[in-house]
Amino acid sequence: MRLDLVVADDRRARCGWVGDDAEYRRYHDEEWGHPLHGDRALFEKLSLEGFQAGLSWITILRRRPTFRVAFRDFDIDTVAGFDDDDIERLMADPGIIRNRAKVEATISNARITRELVAHDPGALDRLVWSFAPQPRPRPSALADVPAVTPEATALSAALKKHGYRFVGPTTMYALMQSAGLVDDHVEGCWRTL
């Protein structure tokens, strides 16, 4: 049975998905659900959520420092300029998820983002945030947290229309949670936004 809230040594109640993992606790307290803005920051989040598809988020979170090195801090122009040699370099890097389709999608998504923001800085930020739903009450239990919403489905469709890949509705809802478009901290969690 999964608890809706867990209490750590610091006596703070947190969302039950944190468990007793120190990195998850730090991520929950310092990042998850905080409003995230900026084209580069959202491109990184979009990329990492794409790599997470089919895996646990803690797998990505623990590898994030290596992802940042491998993808040059997710600088949009730099990643958009990656070539076949970079793909092979990334495929040989044991510190990231070596899935060719996800690597190639990240590079392709960088190229799309570069075009999107070239003459309109902030365009990715505005696009993503245009799908933020109206605030709603916090979920009372983890079972009340949806895996997908109409807004996430619409964001997914809008990104796919631009040509983005690995941006399915469930992945986009995870992005909405982590980037603070929604507040899915369970009632009783110490984090208030």
N, C-alpha and C. Protein backbone atom coordinates (compact mmCIF):
# COMPACT_ATOMS: atom_id res chain seq x y z
N MET A 1 0.84 -1.18 0.00
CA MET A 1 0.00 0.00 0.00
C MET A 1 0.89 1.24 0.00
N ARG A 2 0.60 2.17 -0.87
CA ARG A 2 1.36 3.41 -0.95
C ARG A 2 0.67 4.48 -0.12
N LEU A 3 1.44 5.14 0.72
CA LEU A 3 0.89 6.19 1.56
C LEU A 3 0.75 7.48 0.76
N ASP A 4 -0.28 8.25 1.05
CA ASP A 4 -0.47 9.53 0.37
C ASP A 4 0.54 10.56 0.84
N LEU A 5 0.95 10.45 2.11
CA LEU A 5 1.95 11.34 2.68
C LEU A 5 3.00 10.52 3.42
N VAL A 6 4.22 11.00 3.40
CA VAL A 6 5.29 10.41 4.20
C VAL A 6 5.91 11.52 5.03
N VAL A 7 6.36 11.16 6.22
CA VAL A 7 6.99 12.13 7.10
C VAL A 7 8.44 11.72 7.28
N ALA A 8 9.34 12.64 6.98
CA ALA A 8 10.77 12.36 7.08
C ALA A 8 11.30 12.77 8.45
N ASP A 9 12.60 12.59 8.65
CA ASP A 9 13.24 12.94 9.91
C ASP A 9 13.05 14.41 10.28
N ASP A 10 12.88 15.26 9.29
CA ASP A 10 12.69 16.69 9.57
C ASP A 10 11.25 17.01 9.99
N ARG A 11 10.43 15.96 10.09
CA ARG A 11 9.03 16.05 10.54
C ARG A 11 8.11 16.75 9.55
N ARG A 12 8.55 16.88 8.31
CA ARG A 12 7.70 17.48 7.29
C ARG A 12 6.95 16.38 6.54
N ALA A 13 5.66 16.60 6.36
CA ALA A 13 4.85 15.68 5.56
C ALA A 13 5.03 16.03 4.09
N ARG A 14 5.31 15.02 3.30
CA ARG A 14 5.51 15.19 1.86
C ARG A 14 4.64 14.20 1.10
N CYS A 15 4.46 14.50 -0.19
CA CYS A 15 3.72 13.60 -1.07
C CYS A 15 4.33 12.20 -0.99
N GLY A 16 3.48 11.20 -0.94
CA GLY A 16 3.92 9.82 -0.73
C GLY A 16 4.88 9.27 -1.76
N TRP A 17 4.87 9.81 -2.99
CA TRP A 17 5.78 9.29 -4.02
C TRP A 17 7.23 9.55 -3.70
N VAL A 18 7.50 10.47 -2.77
CA VAL A 18 8.88 10.78 -2.39
C VAL A 18 9.53 9.59 -1.71
N GLY A 19 8.75 8.84 -0.92
CA GLY A 19 9.32 7.72 -0.19
C GLY A 19 10.41 8.20 0.75
N ASP A 20 11.49 7.42 0.84
CA ASP A 20 12.59 7.82 1.73
C ASP A 20 13.85 8.15 0.94
N ASP A 21 13.70 8.46 -0.33
CA ASP A 21 14.85 8.77 -1.20
C ASP A 21 15.24 10.25 -1.03
N ALA A 22 16.48 10.49 -0.66
CA ALA A 22 16.95 11.86 -0.39
C ALA A 22 16.88 12.74 -1.64
N GLU A 23 17.21 12.20 -2.81
CA GLU A 23 17.17 13.01 -4.03
C GLU A 23 15.73 13.35 -4.41
N TYR A 24 14.83 12.38 -4.25
CA TYR A 24 13.42 12.67 -4.51
C TYR A 24 12.92 13.74 -3.54
N ARG A 25 13.34 13.66 -2.28
CA ARG A 25 12.93 14.64 -1.28
C ARG A 25 13.40 16.04 -1.69
N ARG A 26 14.66 16.16 -2.10
CA ARG A 26 15.20 17.45 -2.53
C ARG A 26 14.43 17.96 -3.75
N TYR A 27 14.21 17.09 -4.73
CA TYR A 27 13.49 17.46 -5.94
C TYR A 27 12.07 17.92 -5.60
N HIS A 28 11.38 17.17 -4.77
CA HIS A 28 10.03 17.52 -4.34
C HIS A 28 10.01 18.89 -3.67
N ASP A 29 10.95 19.12 -2.78
CA ASP A 29 10.96 20.35 -1.98
C ASP A 29 11.40 21.57 -2.78
N GLU A 30 12.34 21.39 -3.70
CA GLU A 30 12.97 22.53 -4.36
C GLU A 30 12.53 22.77 -5.81
N GLU A 31 11.98 21.76 -6.47
CA GLU A 31 11.68 21.91 -7.89
C GLU A 31 10.25 21.55 -8.29
N TRP A 32 9.80 20.38 -7.90
CA TRP A 32 8.55 19.85 -8.42
C TRP A 32 7.38 20.77 -8.07
N GLY A 33 6.72 21.24 -9.09
CA GLY A 33 5.58 22.11 -8.89
C GLY A 33 5.91 23.59 -8.83
N HIS A 34 7.19 23.93 -8.80
CA HIS A 34 7.57 25.35 -8.86
C HIS A 34 7.39 25.85 -10.29
N PRO A 35 6.78 26.99 -10.49
CA PRO A 35 6.64 27.51 -11.86
C PRO A 35 8.00 27.68 -12.53
N LEU A 36 8.15 27.07 -13.68
CA LEU A 36 9.39 27.09 -14.45
C LEU A 36 9.15 27.84 -15.75
N HIS A 37 9.98 28.83 -16.01
CA HIS A 37 9.84 29.62 -17.23
C HIS A 37 11.18 29.69 -17.95
N GLY A 38 11.10 30.04 -19.22
CA GLY A 38 12.28 30.21 -20.06
C GLY A 38 12.36 29.12 -21.11
N ASP A 39 12.70 29.53 -22.32
CA ASP A 39 12.77 28.57 -23.42
C ASP A 39 13.78 27.46 -23.15
N ARG A 40 14.98 27.82 -22.68
CA ARG A 40 16.01 26.80 -22.44
C ARG A 40 15.58 25.86 -21.32
N ALA A 41 15.09 26.42 -20.23
CA ALA A 41 14.67 25.60 -19.09
C ALA A 41 13.54 24.64 -19.48
N LEU A 42 12.59 25.13 -20.25
CA LEU A 42 11.48 24.27 -20.66
C LEU A 42 11.91 23.27 -21.74
N PHE A 43 12.87 23.66 -22.58
CA PHE A 43 13.40 22.68 -23.54
C PHE A 43 14.10 21.54 -22.78
N GLU A 44 14.86 21.87 -21.75
CA GLU A 44 15.50 20.82 -20.95
C GLU A 44 14.45 19.92 -20.33
N LYS A 45 13.44 20.51 -19.71
CA LYS A 45 12.39 19.73 -19.06
C LYS A 45 11.67 18.84 -20.07
N LEU A 46 11.35 19.41 -21.24
CA LEU A 46 10.70 18.65 -22.31
C LEU A 46 11.57 17.46 -22.73
N SER A 47 12.86 17.71 -22.85
CA SER A 47 13.80 16.66 -23.27
C SER A 47 13.89 15.56 -22.22
N LEU A 48 14.06 15.94 -20.97
CA LEU A 48 14.19 14.94 -19.91
C LEU A 48 12.91 14.16 -19.72
N GLU A 49 11.77 14.82 -19.83
CA GLU A 49 10.50 14.09 -19.73
C GLU A 49 10.38 13.09 -20.88
N GLY A 50 10.86 13.46 -22.07
CA GLY A 50 10.86 12.52 -23.19
C GLY A 50 11.74 11.32 -22.92
N PHE A 51 12.91 11.54 -22.34
CA PHE A 51 13.79 10.42 -21.99
C PHE A 51 13.17 9.56 -20.91
N GLN A 52 12.35 10.15 -20.05
CA GLN A 52 11.73 9.40 -18.96
C GLN A 52 10.66 8.44 -19.44
N ALA A 53 10.07 8.69 -20.60
CA ALA A 53 8.97 7.86 -21.08
C ALA A 53 9.32 6.38 -20.97
N GLY A 54 8.52 5.64 -20.20
CA GLY A 54 8.74 4.22 -20.01
C GLY A 54 9.67 3.88 -18.86
N LEU A 55 10.21 4.89 -18.21
CA LEU A 55 11.15 4.69 -17.09
C LEU A 55 10.64 5.44 -15.87
N SER A 56 11.31 5.26 -14.75
CA SER A 56 10.95 6.02 -13.56
C SER A 56 11.67 7.37 -13.59
N TRP A 57 11.04 8.38 -13.00
CA TRP A 57 11.64 9.72 -13.00
C TRP A 57 12.94 9.73 -12.22
N ILE A 58 13.06 8.93 -11.17
CA ILE A 58 14.29 8.93 -10.38
C ILE A 58 15.48 8.48 -11.23
N THR A 59 15.24 7.63 -12.20
CA THR A 59 16.31 7.21 -13.12
C THR A 59 16.85 8.41 -13.86
N ILE A 60 15.98 9.27 -14.34
CA ILE A 60 16.39 10.47 -15.07
C ILE A 60 17.00 11.48 -14.11
N LEU A 61 16.38 11.66 -12.97
CA LEU A 61 16.86 12.65 -12.00
C LEU A 61 18.29 12.35 -11.57
N ARG A 62 18.58 11.10 -11.32
CA ARG A 62 19.95 10.72 -10.91
C ARG A 62 20.95 10.91 -12.04
N ARG A 63 20.50 10.84 -13.26
CA ARG A 63 21.39 11.00 -14.42
C ARG A 63 21.38 12.43 -14.98
N ARG A 64 20.57 13.29 -14.42
CA ARG A 64 20.44 14.64 -14.96
C ARG A 64 21.77 15.38 -15.07
N PRO A 65 22.66 15.31 -14.09
CA PRO A 65 23.94 16.01 -14.26
C PRO A 65 24.71 15.53 -15.50
N THR A 66 24.68 14.23 -15.76
CA THR A 66 25.35 13.69 -16.94
C THR A 66 24.62 14.10 -18.21
N PHE A 67 23.29 14.09 -18.18
CA PHE A 67 22.51 14.58 -19.33
C PHE A 67 22.89 16.01 -19.65
N ARG A 68 23.03 16.84 -18.62
CA ARG A 68 23.36 18.24 -18.84
C ARG A 68 24.73 18.40 -19.49
N VAL A 69 25.68 17.59 -19.09
CA VAL A 69 27.01 17.64 -19.73
C VAL A 69 26.90 17.15 -21.17
N ALA A 70 26.27 16.00 -21.35
CA ALA A 70 26.18 15.37 -22.68
C ALA A 70 25.44 16.26 -23.67
N PHE A 71 24.41 16.97 -23.20
CA PHE A 71 23.60 17.82 -24.08
C PHE A 71 23.94 19.30 -23.91
N ARG A 72 25.16 19.56 -23.43
CA ARG A 72 25.69 20.93 -23.37
C ARG A 72 24.72 21.90 -22.68
N ASP A 73 24.27 21.46 -21.51
CA ASP A 73 23.35 22.23 -20.68
C ASP A 73 22.04 22.56 -21.41
N PHE A 74 21.71 21.71 -22.37
CA PHE A 74 20.47 21.86 -23.15
C PHE A 74 20.37 23.24 -23.81
N ASP A 75 21.51 23.77 -24.20
CA ASP A 75 21.50 25.00 -24.99
C ASP A 75 20.84 24.68 -26.33
N ILE A 76 19.78 25.37 -26.64
CA ILE A 76 18.96 25.03 -27.81
C ILE A 76 19.76 25.08 -29.10
N ASP A 77 20.50 26.15 -29.31
CA ASP A 77 21.29 26.27 -30.55
C ASP A 77 22.35 25.19 -30.65
N THR A 78 23.00 24.90 -29.54
CA THR A 78 24.06 23.88 -29.55
C THR A 78 23.49 22.51 -29.88
N VAL A 79 22.41 22.13 -29.19
CA VAL A 79 21.81 20.81 -29.45
C VAL A 79 21.25 20.75 -30.86
N ALA A 80 20.69 21.83 -31.34
CA ALA A 80 20.16 21.86 -32.71
C ALA A 80 21.26 21.63 -33.74
N GLY A 81 22.49 21.96 -33.38
CA GLY A 81 23.62 21.77 -34.29
C GLY A 81 24.29 20.41 -34.19
N PHE A 82 23.80 19.54 -33.31
CA PHE A 82 24.38 18.20 -33.18
C PHE A 82 24.26 17.46 -34.50
N ASP A 83 25.29 16.66 -34.79
CA ASP A 83 25.31 15.89 -36.04
C ASP A 83 25.47 14.40 -35.73
N ASP A 84 25.74 13.61 -36.77
CA ASP A 84 25.86 12.16 -36.59
C ASP A 84 26.95 11.79 -35.59
N ASP A 85 28.06 12.53 -35.58
CA ASP A 85 29.13 12.25 -34.62
C ASP A 85 28.64 12.47 -33.19
N ASP A 86 27.82 13.50 -32.99
CA ASP A 86 27.26 13.74 -31.66
C ASP A 86 26.30 12.62 -31.27
N ILE A 87 25.53 12.15 -32.22
CA ILE A 87 24.61 11.04 -31.92
C ILE A 87 25.41 9.83 -31.47
N GLU A 88 26.48 9.51 -32.17
CA GLU A 88 27.31 8.37 -31.78
C GLU A 88 27.97 8.59 -30.43
N ARG A 89 28.40 9.83 -30.16
CA ARG A 89 28.98 10.17 -28.84
C ARG A 89 27.95 9.92 -27.75
N LEU A 90 26.73 10.37 -27.99
CA LEU A 90 25.67 10.20 -27.00
C LEU A 90 25.30 8.73 -26.82
N MET A 91 25.28 7.99 -27.90
CA MET A 91 24.95 6.57 -27.83
C MET A 91 26.01 5.77 -27.08
N ALA A 92 27.21 6.31 -26.97
CA ALA A 92 28.29 5.63 -26.25
C ALA A 92 28.40 6.09 -24.80
N ASP A 93 27.57 7.03 -24.39
CA ASP A 93 27.66 7.61 -23.05
C ASP A 93 26.82 6.80 -22.07
N PRO A 94 27.45 6.04 -21.17
CA PRO A 94 26.68 5.21 -20.23
C PRO A 94 25.95 6.02 -19.16
N GLY A 95 26.24 7.31 -19.07
CA GLY A 95 25.62 8.14 -18.04
C GLY A 95 24.24 8.66 -18.41
N ILE A 96 23.82 8.47 -19.67
CA ILE A 96 22.49 8.90 -20.09
C ILE A 96 21.68 7.67 -20.51
N ILE A 97 20.47 7.89 -20.94
CA ILE A 97 19.64 6.81 -21.49
C ILE A 97 20.01 6.71 -22.97
N ARG A 98 20.59 5.60 -23.35
CA ARG A 98 21.09 5.45 -24.72
C ARG A 98 20.02 4.83 -25.62
N ASN A 99 19.00 5.60 -25.84
CA ASN A 99 17.92 5.21 -26.72
C ASN A 99 18.01 6.12 -27.95
N ARG A 100 18.36 5.53 -29.08
CA ARG A 100 18.61 6.32 -30.30
C ARG A 100 17.41 7.17 -30.68
N ALA A 101 16.21 6.61 -30.59
CA ALA A 101 15.02 7.36 -30.98
C ALA A 101 14.86 8.60 -30.09
N LYS A 102 15.14 8.47 -28.81
CA LYS A 102 15.01 9.60 -27.89
C LYS A 102 16.13 10.61 -28.11
N VAL A 103 17.33 10.14 -28.38
CA VAL A 103 18.45 11.04 -28.68
C VAL A 103 18.14 11.84 -29.93
N GLU A 104 17.73 11.15 -30.98
CA GLU A 104 17.42 11.84 -32.24
C GLU A 104 16.23 12.79 -32.08
N ALA A 105 15.24 12.39 -31.29
CA ALA A 105 14.09 13.26 -31.06
C ALA A 105 14.51 14.53 -30.32
N THR A 106 15.42 14.41 -29.38
CA THR A 106 15.89 15.58 -28.63
C THR A 106 16.57 16.57 -29.57
N ILE A 107 17.38 16.06 -30.47
CA ILE A 107 18.06 16.93 -31.44
C ILE A 107 17.04 17.56 -32.39
N SER A 108 16.12 16.76 -32.87
CA SER A 108 15.07 17.29 -33.75
C SER A 108 14.23 18.32 -33.02
N ASN A 109 13.87 18.04 -31.77
CA ASN A 109 13.08 18.99 -30.99
C ASN A 109 13.85 20.29 -30.76
N ALA A 110 15.17 20.21 -30.61
CA ALA A 110 15.99 21.42 -30.47
C ALA A 110 15.92 22.25 -31.74
N ARG A 111 15.95 21.58 -32.88
CA ARG A 111 15.89 22.31 -34.16
C ARG A 111 14.53 23.00 -34.31
N ILE A 112 13.48 22.32 -33.92
CA ILE A 112 12.14 22.92 -33.98
C ILE A 112 12.07 24.11 -33.02
N THR A 113 12.60 23.93 -31.82
CA THR A 113 12.59 25.00 -30.82
C THR A 113 13.40 26.20 -31.31
N ARG A 114 14.55 25.93 -31.91
CA ARG A 114 15.39 27.02 -32.44
C ARG A 114 14.61 27.86 -33.44
N GLU A 115 13.88 27.19 -34.33
CA GLU A 115 13.07 27.91 -35.31
C GLU A 115 11.93 28.66 -34.63
N LEU A 116 11.32 28.03 -33.64
CA LEU A 116 10.19 28.63 -32.94
C LEU A 116 10.59 29.92 -32.23
N VAL A 117 11.76 29.93 -31.62
CA VAL A 117 12.16 31.08 -30.80
C VAL A 117 13.12 32.04 -31.50
N ALA A 118 13.56 31.69 -32.71
CA ALA A 118 14.56 32.51 -33.40
C ALA A 118 14.16 33.97 -33.51
N HIS A 119 12.95 34.22 -33.92
CA HIS A 119 12.47 35.60 -34.09
C HIS A 119 11.43 35.97 -33.04
N ASP A 120 11.24 35.06 -32.07
CA ASP A 120 10.24 35.30 -31.04
C ASP A 120 10.69 34.65 -29.73
N PRO A 121 11.73 35.22 -29.11
CA PRO A 121 12.18 34.65 -27.83
C PRO A 121 11.03 34.54 -26.84
N GLY A 122 10.99 33.42 -26.14
CA GLY A 122 9.90 33.17 -25.20
C GLY A 122 8.74 32.41 -25.81
N ALA A 123 8.84 32.08 -27.10
CA ALA A 123 7.72 31.42 -27.78
C ALA A 123 7.42 30.03 -27.20
N LEU A 124 8.46 29.26 -26.87
CA LEU A 124 8.21 27.94 -26.28
C LEU A 124 7.58 28.11 -24.90
N ASP A 125 8.09 29.03 -24.12
CA ASP A 125 7.53 29.30 -22.80
C ASP A 125 6.05 29.65 -22.92
N ARG A 126 5.73 30.58 -23.80
CA ARG A 126 4.32 30.99 -23.96
C ARG A 126 3.45 29.85 -24.47
N LEU A 127 3.99 29.06 -25.40
CA LEU A 127 3.23 27.93 -25.92
C LEU A 127 2.89 26.95 -24.80
N VAL A 128 3.89 26.53 -24.05
CA VAL A 128 3.65 25.57 -22.97
C VAL A 128 2.68 26.15 -21.95
N TRP A 129 2.94 27.37 -21.48
CA TRP A 129 2.11 27.95 -20.42
C TRP A 129 0.71 28.32 -20.90
N SER A 130 0.49 28.41 -22.20
CA SER A 130 -0.86 28.71 -22.67
C SER A 130 -1.83 27.56 -22.38
N PHE A 131 -1.30 26.40 -22.02
CA PHE A 131 -2.13 25.24 -21.71
C PHE A 131 -2.29 25.00 -20.21
N ALA A 132 -1.78 25.91 -19.40
CA ALA A 132 -1.93 25.77 -17.95
C ALA A 132 -3.41 25.84 -17.59
N PRO A 133 -3.90 24.86 -16.87
CA PRO A 133 -5.32 24.88 -16.50
C PRO A 133 -5.58 25.89 -15.38
N GLN A 134 -6.83 26.18 -15.17
CA GLN A 134 -7.22 27.02 -14.05
C GLN A 134 -6.83 26.31 -12.75
N PRO A 135 -6.40 27.06 -11.74
CA PRO A 135 -6.07 26.41 -10.46
C PRO A 135 -7.26 25.61 -9.94
N ARG A 136 -6.93 24.51 -9.32
CA ARG A 136 -7.97 23.65 -8.75
C ARG A 136 -7.51 23.23 -7.36
N PRO A 137 -8.41 22.69 -6.56
CA PRO A 137 -8.00 22.24 -5.24
C PRO A 137 -6.93 21.15 -5.35
N ARG A 138 -6.09 21.10 -4.36
CA ARG A 138 -5.08 20.04 -4.32
C ARG A 138 -5.76 18.68 -4.23
N PRO A 139 -5.14 17.66 -4.78
CA PRO A 139 -5.73 16.33 -4.62
C PRO A 139 -5.68 15.91 -3.15
N SER A 140 -6.69 15.20 -2.71
CA SER A 140 -6.70 14.75 -1.32
C SER A 140 -5.93 13.46 -1.13
N ALA A 141 -5.69 12.75 -2.24
CA ALA A 141 -4.95 11.49 -2.18
C ALA A 141 -4.18 11.30 -3.49
N LEU A 142 -3.14 10.49 -3.45
CA LEU A 142 -2.37 10.22 -4.67
C LEU A 142 -3.26 9.61 -5.75
N ALA A 143 -4.26 8.83 -5.32
CA ALA A 143 -5.18 8.22 -6.29
C ALA A 143 -5.99 9.26 -7.05
N ASP A 144 -6.06 10.49 -6.52
CA ASP A 144 -6.81 11.56 -7.18
C ASP A 144 -5.98 12.32 -8.21
N VAL A 145 -4.70 12.01 -8.30
CA VAL A 145 -3.82 12.70 -9.24
C VAL A 145 -3.99 12.03 -10.61
N PRO A 146 -4.40 12.78 -11.62
CA PRO A 146 -4.62 12.17 -12.94
C PRO A 146 -3.29 11.86 -13.63
N ALA A 147 -3.33 10.95 -14.57
CA ALA A 147 -2.15 10.65 -15.39
C ALA A 147 -2.14 11.54 -16.63
N VAL A 148 -3.31 12.03 -17.01
CA VAL A 148 -3.44 12.87 -18.19
C VAL A 148 -4.68 13.74 -18.00
N THR A 149 -4.66 14.90 -18.62
CA THR A 149 -5.80 15.82 -18.55
C THR A 149 -6.09 16.34 -19.96
N PRO A 150 -7.24 16.96 -20.16
CA PRO A 150 -7.51 17.56 -21.46
C PRO A 150 -6.46 18.60 -21.86
N GLU A 151 -5.97 19.35 -20.89
CA GLU A 151 -4.95 20.37 -21.19
C GLU A 151 -3.64 19.72 -21.65
N ALA A 152 -3.27 18.62 -21.00
CA ALA A 152 -2.04 17.91 -21.40
C ALA A 152 -2.20 17.31 -22.79
N THR A 153 -3.38 16.80 -23.08
CA THR A 153 -3.66 16.25 -24.40
C THR A 153 -3.58 17.36 -25.46
N ALA A 154 -4.11 18.52 -25.13
CA ALA A 154 -4.07 19.65 -26.07
C ALA A 154 -2.64 20.15 -26.26
N LEU A 155 -1.85 20.22 -25.18
CA LEU A 155 -0.45 20.62 -25.30
C LEU A 155 0.31 19.63 -26.17
N SER A 156 0.09 18.35 -25.95
CA SER A 156 0.72 17.31 -26.75
C SER A 156 0.39 17.50 -28.24
N ALA A 157 -0.87 17.72 -28.54
CA ALA A 157 -1.29 17.91 -29.93
C ALA A 157 -0.65 19.15 -30.54
N ALA A 158 -0.56 20.23 -29.77
CA ALA A 158 0.04 21.47 -30.28
C ALA A 158 1.52 21.27 -30.58
N LEU A 159 2.22 20.58 -29.68
CA LEU A 159 3.65 20.33 -29.90
C LEU A 159 3.86 19.39 -31.09
N LYS A 160 3.03 18.37 -31.19
CA LYS A 160 3.14 17.44 -32.32
C LYS A 160 2.88 18.16 -33.64
N LYS A 161 1.97 19.11 -33.63
CA LYS A 161 1.68 19.89 -34.84
C LYS A 161 2.93 20.64 -35.30
N HIS A 162 3.74 21.07 -34.35
CA HIS A 162 5.01 21.74 -34.68
C HIS A 162 6.08 20.73 -35.11
N GLY A 163 5.86 19.44 -34.85
CA GLY A 163 6.82 18.41 -35.22
C GLY A 163 7.57 17.79 -34.07
N TYR A 164 7.28 18.19 -32.85
CA TYR A 164 7.95 17.62 -31.68
C TYR A 164 7.62 16.14 -31.54
N ARG A 165 8.58 15.41 -30.98
CA ARG A 165 8.40 13.97 -30.73
C ARG A 165 8.62 13.67 -29.25
N PHE A 166 8.11 12.52 -28.81
CA PHE A 166 8.15 12.09 -27.41
C PHE A 166 7.46 13.13 -26.52
N VAL A 167 6.32 13.58 -26.97
CA VAL A 167 5.54 14.59 -26.24
C VAL A 167 4.08 14.12 -26.10
N GLY A 168 3.90 12.85 -25.76
CA GLY A 168 2.55 12.32 -25.59
C GLY A 168 1.83 12.96 -24.42
N PRO A 169 0.52 12.78 -24.33
CA PRO A 169 -0.27 13.42 -23.28
C PRO A 169 0.19 13.09 -21.85
N THR A 170 0.56 11.85 -21.58
CA THR A 170 1.01 11.50 -20.23
C THR A 170 2.34 12.17 -19.93
N THR A 171 3.23 12.20 -20.90
CA THR A 171 4.51 12.88 -20.74
C THR A 171 4.30 14.37 -20.53
N MET A 172 3.35 14.95 -21.25
CA MET A 172 3.09 16.37 -21.09
C MET A 172 2.43 16.69 -19.76
N TYR A 173 1.64 15.75 -19.22
CA TYR A 173 1.10 16.02 -17.90
C TYR A 173 2.21 15.97 -16.85
N ALA A 174 3.14 15.06 -17.01
CA ALA A 174 4.29 15.02 -16.09
C ALA A 174 5.08 16.33 -16.17
N LEU A 175 5.23 16.87 -17.37
CA LEU A 175 5.90 18.16 -17.53
C LEU A 175 5.09 19.25 -16.82
N MET A 176 3.78 19.24 -16.98
CA MET A 176 2.94 20.25 -16.34
C MET A 176 3.08 20.20 -14.82
N GLN A 177 3.18 19.00 -14.27
CA GLN A 177 3.38 18.86 -12.83
C GLN A 177 4.75 19.39 -12.42
N SER A 178 5.78 18.93 -13.10
CA SER A 178 7.13 19.29 -12.67
C SER A 178 7.44 20.76 -12.92
N ALA A 179 6.86 21.35 -13.96
CA ALA A 179 7.12 22.75 -14.29
C ALA A 179 6.13 23.71 -13.63
N GLY A 180 5.28 23.19 -12.76
CA GLY A 180 4.41 24.05 -11.97
C GLY A 180 3.19 24.59 -12.67
N LEU A 181 2.81 24.02 -13.81
CA LEU A 181 1.57 24.45 -14.45
C LEU A 181 0.37 23.98 -13.65
N VAL A 182 0.55 22.91 -12.89
CA VAL A 182 -0.47 22.39 -11.99
C VAL A 182 0.17 22.16 -10.62
N ASP A 183 -0.65 22.16 -9.58
CA ASP A 183 -0.18 21.88 -8.23
C ASP A 183 -0.79 20.56 -7.79
N ASP A 184 0.00 19.49 -7.91
CA ASP A 184 -0.48 18.17 -7.52
C ASP A 184 0.12 17.71 -6.20
N HIS A 185 0.62 18.66 -5.39
CA HIS A 185 1.02 18.29 -4.03
C HIS A 185 -0.24 17.89 -3.28
N VAL A 186 -0.21 16.74 -2.64
CA VAL A 186 -1.37 16.20 -1.95
C VAL A 186 -1.69 17.05 -0.71
N GLU A 187 -2.98 17.17 -0.42
CA GLU A 187 -3.39 17.88 0.80
C GLU A 187 -2.59 17.37 1.99
N GLY A 188 -2.09 18.29 2.78
CA GLY A 188 -1.31 17.92 3.94
C GLY A 188 0.19 17.98 3.70
N CYS A 189 0.59 18.04 2.43
CA CYS A 189 2.01 18.18 2.10
C CYS A 189 2.46 19.57 2.55
N TRP A 190 3.66 19.65 3.10
CA TRP A 190 4.13 20.93 3.64
C TRP A 190 4.35 21.97 2.54
N ARG A 191 4.55 21.51 1.31
CA ARG A 191 4.84 22.44 0.23
C ARG A 191 3.58 23.18 -0.17
N THR A 192 3.62 24.46 -0.09
CA THR A 192 2.56 25.29 -0.61
C THR A 192 3.17 26.21 -1.63
N LEU A 193 2.49 26.42 -2.71
CA LEU A 193 3.03 27.21 -3.81
C LEU A 193 2.47 28.62 -3.78
